Amino acid sequence: LKGKNRMGIGVLLDVFDQQLSRRFLFLMMLEI
């Protein structure tokens, strides 16, 4: 159960990281 929960958190962080980098790239493109 603990291992499964940890993996779920890892997936959540991965998705959050993707959203963050995508938004960051979008802002960078707007700046240029």
N, C-alpha and C. Protein backbone atom coordinates (compact mmCIF):
# COMPACT_ATOMS: atom_id res chain seq x y z
N LEU A 1 0.85 -1.21 0.00
CA LEU A 1 0.00 0.00 0.00
C LEU A 1 0.88 1.26 0.00
N LYS A 2 1.92 1.22 0.84
CA LYS A 2 2.78 2.40 0.94
C LYS A 2 3.52 2.63 -0.38
N GLY A 3 4.02 1.53 -0.97
CA GLY A 3 4.74 1.65 -2.24
C GLY A 3 3.84 2.19 -3.34
N LYS A 4 2.59 1.72 -3.35
CA LYS A 4 1.64 2.16 -4.37
C LYS A 4 1.34 3.65 -4.21
N ASN A 5 1.19 4.07 -2.97
CA ASN A 5 0.91 5.48 -2.68
C ASN A 5 2.07 6.36 -3.14
N ARG A 6 3.28 5.87 -2.88
CA ARG A 6 4.47 6.63 -3.27
C ARG A 6 4.55 6.76 -4.79
N MET A 7 4.20 5.69 -5.49
CA MET A 7 4.24 5.72 -6.95
C MET A 7 3.19 6.71 -7.47
N GLY A 8 2.03 6.74 -6.82
CA GLY A 8 0.97 7.67 -7.23
C GLY A 8 1.43 9.11 -7.08
N ILE A 9 2.12 9.37 -5.98
CA ILE A 9 2.63 10.73 -5.75
C ILE A 9 3.66 11.08 -6.82
N GLY A 10 4.48 10.09 -7.19
CA GLY A 10 5.49 10.32 -8.22
C GLY A 10 4.85 10.68 -9.55
N VAL A 11 3.76 9.98 -9.88
CA VAL A 11 3.04 10.26 -11.13
C VAL A 11 2.44 11.66 -11.08
N LEU A 12 1.88 12.03 -9.94
CA LEU A 12 1.29 13.36 -9.78
C LEU A 12 2.36 14.44 -9.98
N LEU A 13 3.53 14.21 -9.37
CA LEU A 13 4.62 15.19 -9.49
C LEU A 13 5.07 15.28 -10.95
N ASP A 14 5.09 14.15 -11.64
CA ASP A 14 5.51 14.12 -13.04
C ASP A 14 4.56 14.95 -13.89
N VAL A 15 3.26 14.76 -13.68
CA VAL A 15 2.25 15.50 -14.45
C VAL A 15 2.35 16.99 -14.13
N PHE A 16 2.52 17.31 -12.84
CA PHE A 16 2.63 18.70 -12.41
C PHE A 16 3.85 19.35 -13.06
N ASP A 17 4.97 18.59 -13.11
CA ASP A 17 6.21 19.09 -13.70
C ASP A 17 6.00 19.38 -15.19
N GLN A 18 5.28 18.50 -15.88
CA GLN A 18 5.02 18.69 -17.31
C GLN A 18 4.19 19.95 -17.52
N GLN A 19 3.15 20.13 -16.70
CA GLN A 19 2.30 21.32 -16.83
C GLN A 19 3.11 22.59 -16.60
N LEU A 20 3.98 22.54 -15.57
CA LEU A 20 4.78 23.70 -15.20
C LEU A 20 5.74 24.08 -16.33
N SER A 21 6.45 23.09 -16.88
CA SER A 21 7.42 23.37 -17.94
C SER A 21 6.70 23.85 -19.20
N ARG A 22 5.51 23.32 -19.45
CA ARG A 22 4.75 23.73 -20.63
C ARG A 22 4.33 25.20 -20.49
N ARG A 23 3.89 25.57 -19.30
CA ARG A 23 3.48 26.95 -19.05
C ARG A 23 4.68 27.89 -19.12
N PHE A 24 5.83 27.39 -18.59
CA PHE A 24 7.05 28.20 -18.60
C PHE A 24 7.49 28.47 -20.04
N LEU A 25 7.43 27.43 -20.88
CA LEU A 25 7.80 27.59 -22.29
C LEU A 25 6.88 28.59 -22.97
N PHE A 26 5.59 28.53 -22.64
CA PHE A 26 4.61 29.44 -23.22
C PHE A 26 4.94 30.89 -22.85
N LEU A 27 5.28 31.10 -21.57
CA LEU A 27 5.63 32.45 -21.11
C LEU A 27 6.91 32.93 -21.79
N MET A 28 7.86 32.03 -21.97
CA MET A 28 9.12 32.39 -22.62
C MET A 28 8.85 32.84 -24.06
N MET A 29 7.96 32.14 -24.74
CA MET A 29 7.64 32.48 -26.13
C MET A 29 6.95 33.83 -26.20
N LEU A 30 6.14 34.15 -25.18
CA LEU A 30 5.46 35.44 -25.15
C LEU A 30 6.46 36.57 -24.94
N GLU A 31 7.49 36.30 -24.13
CA GLU A 31 8.50 37.31 -23.82
C GLU A 31 9.28 37.71 -25.07
N ILE A 32 9.59 36.74 -25.91
CA ILE A 32 10.42 36.99 -27.10
C ILE A 32 9.64 37.80 -28.14
